[in-house]
Amino acid sequence: MKKVVTLLLVTGMGTAFIQANKKAVKPTKVDKTVQLKAKPAELNVKVETPKIVKPQPISLVEALIMVESRGNDSAIGDRHIIGGEAVGCLQIRPIMLKEINRQLKRNGLEPRFELEDRYSRSKSIEMFNVYVTLLHEGHSDEHIARNWNGGPKGFKRKSTEKYWLKVQREMNKTNV
């Protein structure tokens, strides 16, 4: 009699391998549920992870999220600018959302972001990725961060230098 054994791999590091019936099954994605059919006596489970885990640097978008909102998806900034409040984890203003939609339309893509999307971390990151891809492809992290903070010519403004230092400090932290 064969039984179905479900193993949930939650490693977050490297690739996990499951061995059953002398066959290795490699999941296509980490954190995926894998079902194997085997008799309990035949099932030999082995999960391999890297022996050395190297700390990973924090990405630009992760650093911006920490500088802008300390990771708070519901953050509301600049309340004194009625109708122009910066909201969400990346503190996106309505004018930035309008520009991102304009760039999408200009490039033959339908505008698809709404004001309430700024409260969604995934949508905010998607907007940021559109911004970088369509307006800052090939630019340095400094150029992108300073423009994110200071507008289209932010990289030239002295006022964005301090902001860039904050972003750099966040980027120099590591994920373990």
N, C-alpha and C. Protein backbone atom coordinates (compact mmCIF):
# COMPACT_ATOMS: atom_id res chain seq x y z
N MET A 1 0.84 -1.18 0.00
CA MET A 1 0.00 0.00 0.00
C MET A 1 0.88 1.24 0.00
N LYS A 2 0.64 2.14 -0.93
CA LYS A 2 1.41 3.36 -1.01
C LYS A 2 0.66 4.48 -0.31
N LYS A 3 1.43 5.36 0.36
CA LYS A 3 0.85 6.51 1.04
C LYS A 3 1.38 7.78 0.39
N VAL A 4 0.58 8.81 0.45
CA VAL A 4 1.03 10.10 -0.06
C VAL A 4 1.64 10.86 1.11
N VAL A 5 2.88 11.28 0.94
CA VAL A 5 3.57 12.05 1.97
C VAL A 5 3.76 13.45 1.44
N THR A 6 3.31 14.44 2.20
CA THR A 6 3.47 15.84 1.79
C THR A 6 4.53 16.48 2.67
N LEU A 7 5.54 17.04 2.04
CA LEU A 7 6.61 17.73 2.76
C LEU A 7 6.57 19.20 2.39
N LEU A 8 6.59 20.05 3.39
CA LEU A 8 6.62 21.48 3.14
C LEU A 8 8.04 21.96 3.38
N LEU A 9 8.65 22.49 2.35
CA LEU A 9 10.02 22.98 2.45
C LEU A 9 10.00 24.47 2.75
N VAL A 10 10.52 24.84 3.85
CA VAL A 10 10.61 26.26 4.20
C VAL A 10 12.07 26.49 4.56
N THR A 11 12.87 26.72 3.54
CA THR A 11 14.29 26.90 3.80
C THR A 11 14.69 28.35 3.62
N GLY A 12 14.24 28.98 2.55
CA GLY A 12 14.63 30.36 2.30
C GLY A 12 16.08 30.48 1.89
N MET A 13 16.84 29.37 1.93
CA MET A 13 18.24 29.43 1.56
C MET A 13 18.55 28.27 0.63
N GLY A 14 19.06 28.57 -0.50
CA GLY A 14 19.52 27.53 -1.40
C GLY A 14 18.40 26.66 -1.93
N THR A 15 18.78 25.55 -2.53
CA THR A 15 17.82 24.62 -3.12
C THR A 15 17.70 23.41 -2.22
N ALA A 16 16.50 22.97 -2.01
CA ALA A 16 16.26 21.79 -1.18
C ALA A 16 16.05 20.59 -2.09
N PHE A 17 16.59 19.44 -1.70
CA PHE A 17 16.41 18.22 -2.45
C PHE A 17 15.69 17.22 -1.57
N ILE A 18 14.76 16.48 -2.15
CA ILE A 18 14.06 15.43 -1.43
C ILE A 18 14.38 14.13 -2.15
N GLN A 19 14.79 13.14 -1.38
CA GLN A 19 15.10 11.85 -1.98
C GLN A 19 14.07 10.83 -1.52
N ALA A 20 13.48 10.15 -2.46
CA ALA A 20 12.52 9.09 -2.15
C ALA A 20 12.67 8.03 -3.23
N ASN A 21 12.67 6.79 -2.82
CA ASN A 21 12.83 5.68 -3.75
C ASN A 21 14.10 5.83 -4.59
N LYS A 22 15.13 6.35 -3.98
CA LYS A 22 16.43 6.55 -4.62
C LYS A 22 16.38 7.50 -5.81
N LYS A 23 15.35 8.30 -5.88
CA LYS A 23 15.25 9.31 -6.93
C LYS A 23 15.21 10.66 -6.25
N ALA A 24 16.00 11.59 -6.73
CA ALA A 24 16.00 12.95 -6.17
C ALA A 24 14.96 13.78 -6.91
N VAL A 25 14.15 14.45 -6.17
CA VAL A 25 13.14 15.33 -6.75
C VAL A 25 13.53 16.74 -6.37
N LYS A 26 13.76 17.57 -7.34
CA LYS A 26 14.17 18.94 -7.08
C LYS A 26 12.97 19.86 -7.31
N PRO A 27 12.50 20.52 -6.27
CA PRO A 27 11.38 21.44 -6.46
C PRO A 27 11.80 22.59 -7.37
N THR A 28 10.84 23.13 -8.12
CA THR A 28 11.15 24.24 -9.00
C THR A 28 11.27 25.54 -8.22
N LYS A 29 10.63 25.63 -7.07
CA LYS A 29 10.69 26.83 -6.25
C LYS A 29 10.86 26.42 -4.80
N VAL A 30 11.58 27.23 -4.06
CA VAL A 30 11.69 27.02 -2.63
C VAL A 30 10.36 27.43 -2.02
N ASP A 31 10.07 26.95 -0.83
CA ASP A 31 8.81 27.23 -0.14
C ASP A 31 7.62 26.68 -0.91
N LYS A 32 7.78 25.52 -1.51
CA LYS A 32 6.72 24.90 -2.29
C LYS A 32 6.38 23.56 -1.66
N THR A 33 5.13 23.19 -1.68
CA THR A 33 4.71 21.89 -1.18
C THR A 33 4.95 20.86 -2.27
N VAL A 34 5.62 19.78 -1.91
CA VAL A 34 5.95 18.72 -2.86
C VAL A 34 5.30 17.44 -2.37
N GLN A 35 4.60 16.73 -3.25
CA GLN A 35 3.98 15.47 -2.87
C GLN A 35 4.75 14.33 -3.52
N LEU A 36 5.08 13.33 -2.70
CA LEU A 36 5.76 12.14 -3.19
C LEU A 36 4.94 10.93 -2.79
N LYS A 37 4.82 9.95 -3.68
CA LYS A 37 4.12 8.71 -3.34
C LYS A 37 5.19 7.67 -3.02
N ALA A 38 5.16 7.18 -1.78
CA ALA A 38 6.13 6.17 -1.37
C ALA A 38 5.62 5.46 -0.13
N LYS A 39 6.11 4.24 0.06
CA LYS A 39 5.83 3.54 1.31
C LYS A 39 6.69 4.20 2.38
N PRO A 40 6.17 4.32 3.59
CA PRO A 40 6.95 4.97 4.64
C PRO A 40 8.35 4.40 4.80
N ALA A 41 8.52 3.09 4.66
CA ALA A 41 9.85 2.49 4.81
C ALA A 41 10.78 2.87 3.67
N GLU A 42 10.21 3.16 2.49
CA GLU A 42 11.02 3.50 1.32
C GLU A 42 11.42 4.98 1.31
N LEU A 43 10.77 5.77 2.14
CA LEU A 43 10.98 7.21 2.09
C LEU A 43 12.20 7.62 2.91
N ASN A 44 13.18 8.14 2.23
CA ASN A 44 14.39 8.64 2.88
C ASN A 44 14.47 10.13 2.54
N VAL A 45 14.19 10.97 3.51
CA VAL A 45 14.12 12.40 3.25
C VAL A 45 15.43 13.05 3.67
N LYS A 46 15.97 13.83 2.77
CA LYS A 46 17.21 14.55 3.06
C LYS A 46 17.07 15.97 2.50
N VAL A 47 17.22 16.96 3.35
CA VAL A 47 17.15 18.36 2.92
C VAL A 47 18.55 18.93 3.02
N GLU A 48 19.07 19.41 1.91
CA GLU A 48 20.41 19.98 1.89
C GLU A 48 20.31 21.49 1.78
N THR A 49 21.06 22.17 2.62
CA THR A 49 21.16 23.62 2.53
C THR A 49 22.64 23.98 2.45
N PRO A 50 22.95 25.14 1.95
CA PRO A 50 24.36 25.51 1.85
C PRO A 50 25.03 25.50 3.22
N LYS A 51 26.29 25.08 3.24
CA LYS A 51 27.02 25.02 4.50
C LYS A 51 27.37 26.42 5.00
N ILE A 52 27.63 27.34 4.10
CA ILE A 52 27.96 28.71 4.47
C ILE A 52 26.84 29.61 3.94
N VAL A 53 26.22 30.34 4.84
CA VAL A 53 25.18 31.28 4.44
C VAL A 53 25.81 32.67 4.46
N LYS A 54 25.93 33.27 3.30
CA LYS A 54 26.52 34.60 3.21
C LYS A 54 25.43 35.65 3.39
N PRO A 55 25.68 36.65 4.21
CA PRO A 55 24.71 37.73 4.35
C PRO A 55 24.50 38.42 3.00
N GLN A 56 23.26 38.71 2.70
CA GLN A 56 22.95 39.35 1.42
C GLN A 56 22.73 40.84 1.64
N PRO A 57 23.30 41.69 0.78
CA PRO A 57 23.09 43.12 0.93
C PRO A 57 21.62 43.46 0.69
N ILE A 58 21.18 44.49 1.34
CA ILE A 58 19.81 44.96 1.17
C ILE A 58 19.71 45.67 -0.17
N SER A 59 18.67 45.37 -0.93
CA SER A 59 18.51 45.98 -2.25
C SER A 59 18.09 47.44 -2.14
N LEU A 60 18.18 48.15 -3.24
CA LEU A 60 17.80 49.56 -3.27
C LEU A 60 16.35 49.75 -2.84
N VAL A 61 15.44 48.96 -3.38
CA VAL A 61 14.03 49.15 -3.04
C VAL A 61 13.76 48.85 -1.57
N GLU A 62 14.42 47.85 -1.01
CA GLU A 62 14.26 47.55 0.42
C GLU A 62 14.78 48.71 1.27
N ALA A 63 15.90 49.28 0.86
CA ALA A 63 16.47 50.42 1.59
C ALA A 63 15.55 51.63 1.50
N LEU A 64 14.99 51.88 0.32
CA LEU A 64 14.06 53.01 0.16
C LEU A 64 12.83 52.83 1.04
N ILE A 65 12.33 51.61 1.12
CA ILE A 65 11.16 51.34 1.96
C ILE A 65 11.48 51.66 3.42
N MET A 66 12.66 51.28 3.87
CA MET A 66 13.03 51.56 5.25
C MET A 66 13.23 53.05 5.50
N VAL A 67 13.84 53.76 4.57
CA VAL A 67 14.06 55.20 4.73
C VAL A 67 12.74 55.96 4.64
N GLU A 68 11.90 55.58 3.69
CA GLU A 68 10.65 56.31 3.46
C GLU A 68 9.61 56.08 4.55
N SER A 69 9.45 54.84 5.02
CA SER A 69 8.32 54.54 5.91
C SER A 69 8.66 53.60 7.06
N ARG A 70 9.93 53.23 7.20
CA ARG A 70 10.32 52.23 8.19
C ARG A 70 9.54 50.94 8.00
N GLY A 71 9.14 50.67 6.74
CA GLY A 71 8.45 49.43 6.41
C GLY A 71 6.96 49.44 6.64
N ASN A 72 6.40 50.60 6.94
CA ASN A 72 4.97 50.71 7.23
C ASN A 72 4.17 50.93 5.94
N ASP A 73 3.38 49.93 5.55
CA ASP A 73 2.59 50.01 4.32
C ASP A 73 1.45 51.02 4.42
N SER A 74 1.09 51.40 5.62
CA SER A 74 -0.03 52.35 5.83
C SER A 74 0.45 53.76 6.15
N ALA A 75 1.74 54.01 6.03
CA ALA A 75 2.28 55.32 6.37
C ALA A 75 1.68 56.41 5.50
N ILE A 76 1.39 57.55 6.12
CA ILE A 76 0.92 58.73 5.39
C ILE A 76 1.84 59.88 5.78
N GLY A 77 2.47 60.47 4.79
CA GLY A 77 3.38 61.58 5.04
C GLY A 77 2.88 62.85 4.39
N ASP A 78 3.47 63.96 4.79
CA ASP A 78 3.13 65.27 4.21
C ASP A 78 1.64 65.53 4.22
N ARG A 79 1.03 65.35 5.38
CA ARG A 79 -0.41 65.56 5.51
C ARG A 79 -0.80 67.01 5.24
N HIS A 80 0.18 67.90 5.36
CA HIS A 80 -0.12 69.32 5.12
C HIS A 80 -0.35 69.64 3.65
N ILE A 81 0.02 68.73 2.76
CA ILE A 81 -0.22 68.93 1.33
C ILE A 81 -1.53 68.22 0.99
N ILE A 82 -2.62 68.91 1.13
CA ILE A 82 -3.94 68.31 0.91
C ILE A 82 -4.07 67.83 -0.53
N GLY A 83 -4.38 66.55 -0.68
CA GLY A 83 -4.50 65.95 -2.01
C GLY A 83 -3.17 65.50 -2.60
N GLY A 84 -2.07 65.81 -1.92
CA GLY A 84 -0.76 65.43 -2.44
C GLY A 84 0.03 64.60 -1.46
N GLU A 85 -0.67 64.00 -0.49
CA GLU A 85 -0.01 63.21 0.53
C GLU A 85 0.77 62.05 -0.07
N ALA A 86 1.93 61.80 0.53
CA ALA A 86 2.73 60.64 0.15
C ALA A 86 2.28 59.49 1.04
N VAL A 87 1.94 58.36 0.44
CA VAL A 87 1.41 57.24 1.23
C VAL A 87 2.08 55.92 0.86
N GLY A 88 1.96 54.96 1.77
CA GLY A 88 2.46 53.62 1.55
C GLY A 88 3.92 53.46 1.92
N CYS A 89 4.42 52.27 1.71
CA CYS A 89 5.79 51.94 2.11
C CYS A 89 6.84 52.75 1.36
N LEU A 90 6.53 53.18 0.13
CA LEU A 90 7.47 53.97 -0.65
C LEU A 90 7.08 55.45 -0.73
N GLN A 91 6.05 55.83 0.04
CA GLN A 91 5.62 57.23 0.12
C GLN A 91 5.41 57.83 -1.28
N ILE A 92 4.50 57.22 -2.02
CA ILE A 92 4.22 57.64 -3.40
C ILE A 92 3.13 58.71 -3.39
N ARG A 93 3.41 59.81 -4.06
CA ARG A 93 2.46 60.92 -4.18
C ARG A 93 1.59 60.68 -5.42
N PRO A 94 0.42 61.33 -5.45
CA PRO A 94 -0.44 61.20 -6.63
C PRO A 94 0.25 61.61 -7.94
N ILE A 95 1.10 62.62 -7.88
CA ILE A 95 1.80 63.08 -9.10
C ILE A 95 2.74 62.01 -9.63
N MET A 96 3.36 61.23 -8.73
CA MET A 96 4.25 60.14 -9.17
C MET A 96 3.42 59.03 -9.81
N LEU A 97 2.29 58.70 -9.20
CA LEU A 97 1.40 57.68 -9.76
C LEU A 97 0.95 58.10 -11.17
N LYS A 98 0.60 59.37 -11.31
CA LYS A 98 0.16 59.89 -12.61
C LYS A 98 1.29 59.77 -13.64
N GLU A 99 2.51 60.07 -13.23
CA GLU A 99 3.66 59.98 -14.14
C GLU A 99 3.95 58.53 -14.53
N ILE A 100 3.83 57.62 -13.59
CA ILE A 100 4.06 56.19 -13.89
C ILE A 100 3.01 55.71 -14.90
N ASN A 101 1.76 56.06 -14.68
CA ASN A 101 0.70 55.68 -15.63
C ASN A 101 0.92 56.33 -17.00
N ARG A 102 1.39 57.57 -17.00
CA ARG A 102 1.68 58.28 -18.26
C ARG A 102 2.79 57.55 -19.03
N GLN A 103 3.82 57.13 -18.32
CA GLN A 103 4.92 56.42 -18.96
C GLN A 103 4.48 55.05 -19.49
N LEU A 104 3.62 54.38 -18.74
CA LEU A 104 3.09 53.09 -19.21
C LEU A 104 2.31 53.29 -20.51
N LYS A 105 1.44 54.29 -20.54
CA LYS A 105 0.64 54.57 -21.74
C LYS A 105 1.54 54.97 -22.91
N ARG A 106 2.53 55.80 -22.63
CA ARG A 106 3.46 56.27 -23.67
C ARG A 106 4.22 55.10 -24.31
N ASN A 107 4.44 54.06 -23.53
CA ASN A 107 5.17 52.88 -24.01
C ASN A 107 4.24 51.78 -24.50
N GLY A 108 2.98 52.13 -24.73
CA GLY A 108 2.03 51.18 -25.29
C GLY A 108 1.42 50.23 -24.28
N LEU A 109 1.55 50.54 -23.02
CA LEU A 109 0.97 49.71 -21.97
C LEU A 109 -0.17 50.48 -21.34
N GLU A 110 -1.19 49.78 -20.92
CA GLU A 110 -2.36 50.45 -20.34
C GLU A 110 -2.04 50.96 -18.94
N PRO A 111 -2.46 52.18 -18.62
CA PRO A 111 -2.32 52.63 -17.22
C PRO A 111 -3.13 51.70 -16.33
N ARG A 112 -2.56 51.32 -15.23
CA ARG A 112 -3.24 50.33 -14.42
C ARG A 112 -3.16 50.58 -12.93
N PHE A 113 -2.53 51.65 -12.51
CA PHE A 113 -2.41 51.90 -11.08
C PHE A 113 -3.42 52.94 -10.61
N GLU A 114 -4.01 52.68 -9.45
CA GLU A 114 -4.98 53.57 -8.83
C GLU A 114 -4.35 54.13 -7.55
N LEU A 115 -4.93 55.22 -7.03
CA LEU A 115 -4.40 55.83 -5.82
C LEU A 115 -4.30 54.84 -4.66
N GLU A 116 -5.31 53.99 -4.50
CA GLU A 116 -5.29 53.05 -3.37
C GLU A 116 -4.20 51.99 -3.50
N ASP A 117 -3.66 51.79 -4.72
CA ASP A 117 -2.59 50.81 -4.92
C ASP A 117 -1.32 51.20 -4.14
N ARG A 118 -1.20 52.46 -3.77
CA ARG A 118 -0.02 52.92 -3.04
C ARG A 118 0.08 52.28 -1.66
N TYR A 119 -1.04 51.80 -1.13
CA TYR A 119 -1.04 51.15 0.19
C TYR A 119 -0.63 49.68 0.10
N SER A 120 -0.52 49.14 -1.08
CA SER A 120 -0.11 47.75 -1.28
C SER A 120 1.40 47.72 -1.51
N ARG A 121 2.10 46.96 -0.69
CA ARG A 121 3.56 46.87 -0.84
C ARG A 121 3.94 46.32 -2.21
N SER A 122 3.26 45.27 -2.65
CA SER A 122 3.61 44.67 -3.94
C SER A 122 3.34 45.64 -5.09
N LYS A 123 2.21 46.35 -5.04
CA LYS A 123 1.90 47.32 -6.09
C LYS A 123 2.88 48.49 -6.05
N SER A 124 3.25 48.94 -4.85
CA SER A 124 4.21 50.04 -4.72
C SER A 124 5.56 49.64 -5.31
N ILE A 125 6.00 48.42 -5.01
CA ILE A 125 7.26 47.94 -5.57
C ILE A 125 7.16 47.82 -7.09
N GLU A 126 6.01 47.37 -7.56
CA GLU A 126 5.79 47.28 -9.01
C GLU A 126 5.87 48.67 -9.65
N MET A 127 5.27 49.67 -9.01
CA MET A 127 5.35 51.04 -9.52
C MET A 127 6.80 51.52 -9.55
N PHE A 128 7.53 51.22 -8.48
CA PHE A 128 8.94 51.60 -8.43
C PHE A 128 9.72 50.93 -9.57
N ASN A 129 9.45 49.65 -9.81
CA ASN A 129 10.14 48.95 -10.89
C ASN A 129 9.81 49.53 -12.26
N VAL A 130 8.56 49.94 -12.47
CA VAL A 130 8.17 50.60 -13.72
C VAL A 130 8.95 51.92 -13.84
N TYR A 131 8.99 52.68 -12.75
CA TYR A 131 9.71 53.96 -12.71
C TYR A 131 11.17 53.78 -13.11
N VAL A 132 11.83 52.78 -12.51
CA VAL A 132 13.25 52.55 -12.80
C VAL A 132 13.42 52.06 -14.24
N THR A 133 12.59 51.12 -14.66
CA THR A 133 12.74 50.53 -16.00
C THR A 133 12.49 51.56 -17.10
N LEU A 134 11.45 52.35 -16.96
CA LEU A 134 11.09 53.27 -18.04
C LEU A 134 11.82 54.62 -17.97
N LEU A 135 12.28 55.01 -16.80
CA LEU A 135 12.89 56.34 -16.69
C LEU A 135 14.36 56.33 -16.26
N HIS A 136 14.82 55.23 -15.68
CA HIS A 136 16.18 55.24 -15.13
C HIS A 136 16.99 54.00 -15.46
N GLU A 137 16.69 53.36 -16.56
CA GLU A 137 17.43 52.17 -16.97
C GLU A 137 18.91 52.53 -17.12
N GLY A 138 19.77 51.78 -16.43
CA GLY A 138 21.21 52.01 -16.53
C GLY A 138 21.76 53.05 -15.58
N HIS A 139 20.89 53.73 -14.83
CA HIS A 139 21.36 54.74 -13.88
C HIS A 139 21.84 54.06 -12.59
N SER A 140 22.67 54.75 -11.88
CA SER A 140 23.20 54.22 -10.61
C SER A 140 22.12 54.25 -9.53
N ASP A 141 22.36 53.48 -8.48
CA ASP A 141 21.44 53.49 -7.34
C ASP A 141 21.32 54.89 -6.77
N GLU A 142 22.43 55.60 -6.70
CA GLU A 142 22.40 56.97 -6.17
C GLU A 142 21.50 57.87 -7.01
N HIS A 143 21.66 57.81 -8.31
CA HIS A 143 20.85 58.62 -9.23
C HIS A 143 19.36 58.31 -9.03
N ILE A 144 19.03 57.03 -8.98
CA ILE A 144 17.63 56.61 -8.83
C ILE A 144 17.07 57.07 -7.49
N ALA A 145 17.81 56.84 -6.41
CA ALA A 145 17.33 57.20 -5.07
C ALA A 145 17.15 58.71 -4.93
N ARG A 146 18.10 59.47 -5.42
CA ARG A 146 18.01 60.92 -5.29
C ARG A 146 16.87 61.48 -6.13
N ASN A 147 16.62 60.89 -7.30
CA ASN A 147 15.47 61.32 -8.10
C ASN A 147 14.16 60.90 -7.44
N TRP A 148 14.13 59.71 -6.82
CA TRP A 148 12.94 59.25 -6.12
C TRP A 148 12.57 60.26 -5.04
N ASN A 149 13.57 60.80 -4.37
CA ASN A 149 13.35 61.74 -3.28
C ASN A 149 13.12 63.17 -3.78
N GLY A 150 13.85 63.59 -4.79
CA GLY A 150 13.84 65.00 -5.17
C GLY A 150 13.22 65.32 -6.51
N GLY A 151 12.60 64.36 -7.16
CA GLY A 151 11.97 64.63 -8.44
C GLY A 151 12.90 64.44 -9.62
N PRO A 152 12.46 64.85 -10.81
CA PRO A 152 13.21 64.58 -12.04
C PRO A 152 14.65 65.06 -12.06
N LYS A 153 14.96 66.10 -11.34
CA LYS A 153 16.35 66.59 -11.28
C LYS A 153 16.93 66.43 -9.89
N GLY A 154 16.37 65.51 -9.13
CA GLY A 154 16.79 65.29 -7.76
C GLY A 154 18.25 64.94 -7.61
N PHE A 155 18.81 64.24 -8.60
CA PHE A 155 20.21 63.83 -8.51
C PHE A 155 21.15 65.03 -8.54
N LYS A 156 20.66 66.20 -8.99
CA LYS A 156 21.47 67.41 -9.04
C LYS A 156 21.31 68.27 -7.78
N ARG A 157 20.29 68.00 -6.99
CA ARG A 157 19.97 68.85 -5.84
C ARG A 157 20.81 68.48 -4.62
N LYS A 158 21.37 69.50 -4.00
CA LYS A 158 22.15 69.30 -2.79
C LYS A 158 21.27 68.71 -1.68
N SER A 159 19.99 69.06 -1.68
CA SER A 159 19.07 68.61 -0.63
C SER A 159 18.88 67.09 -0.63
N THR A 160 19.21 66.40 -1.70
CA THR A 160 19.02 64.95 -1.74
C THR A 160 20.27 64.17 -1.33
N GLU A 161 21.36 64.87 -1.09
CA GLU A 161 22.60 64.19 -0.69
C GLU A 161 22.43 63.48 0.65
N LYS A 162 21.80 64.14 1.62
CA LYS A 162 21.59 63.55 2.94
C LYS A 162 20.66 62.33 2.84
N TYR A 163 19.66 62.44 1.99
CA TYR A 163 18.75 61.32 1.75
C TYR A 163 19.53 60.12 1.22
N TRP A 164 20.41 60.36 0.26
CA TRP A 164 21.21 59.28 -0.32
C TRP A 164 22.08 58.62 0.76
N LEU A 165 22.62 59.39 1.69
CA LEU A 165 23.42 58.81 2.77
C LEU A 165 22.58 57.87 3.63
N LYS A 166 21.34 58.25 3.91
CA LYS A 166 20.42 57.38 4.67
C LYS A 166 20.18 56.08 3.92
N VAL A 167 19.95 56.20 2.61
CA VAL A 167 19.70 55.01 1.79
C VAL A 167 20.93 54.11 1.79
N GLN A 168 22.11 54.71 1.65
CA GLN A 168 23.34 53.93 1.66
C GLN A 168 23.51 53.18 2.98
N ARG A 169 23.23 53.86 4.09
CA ARG A 169 23.33 53.20 5.40
C ARG A 169 22.43 51.97 5.46
N GLU A 170 21.22 52.11 4.93
CA GLU A 170 20.30 50.96 4.90
C GLU A 170 20.82 49.85 4.00
N MET A 171 21.36 50.24 2.85
CA MET A 171 21.87 49.24 1.90
C MET A 171 23.09 48.50 2.46
N ASN A 172 23.84 49.16 3.32
CA ASN A 172 25.04 48.54 3.91
C ASN A 172 24.70 47.56 5.01
N LYS A 173 23.46 47.59 5.47
CA LYS A 173 23.02 46.57 6.41
C LYS A 173 22.87 45.28 5.61
N THR A 174 22.85 44.15 6.29
CA THR A 174 22.74 42.89 5.55
C THR A 174 21.59 42.07 6.05
N ASN A 175 21.05 41.26 5.15
CA ASN A 175 20.04 40.26 5.49
C ASN A 175 20.78 38.97 5.80
N VAL A 176 20.40 38.31 6.85
CA VAL A 176 21.03 37.04 7.17
C VAL A 176 20.04 35.93 7.01
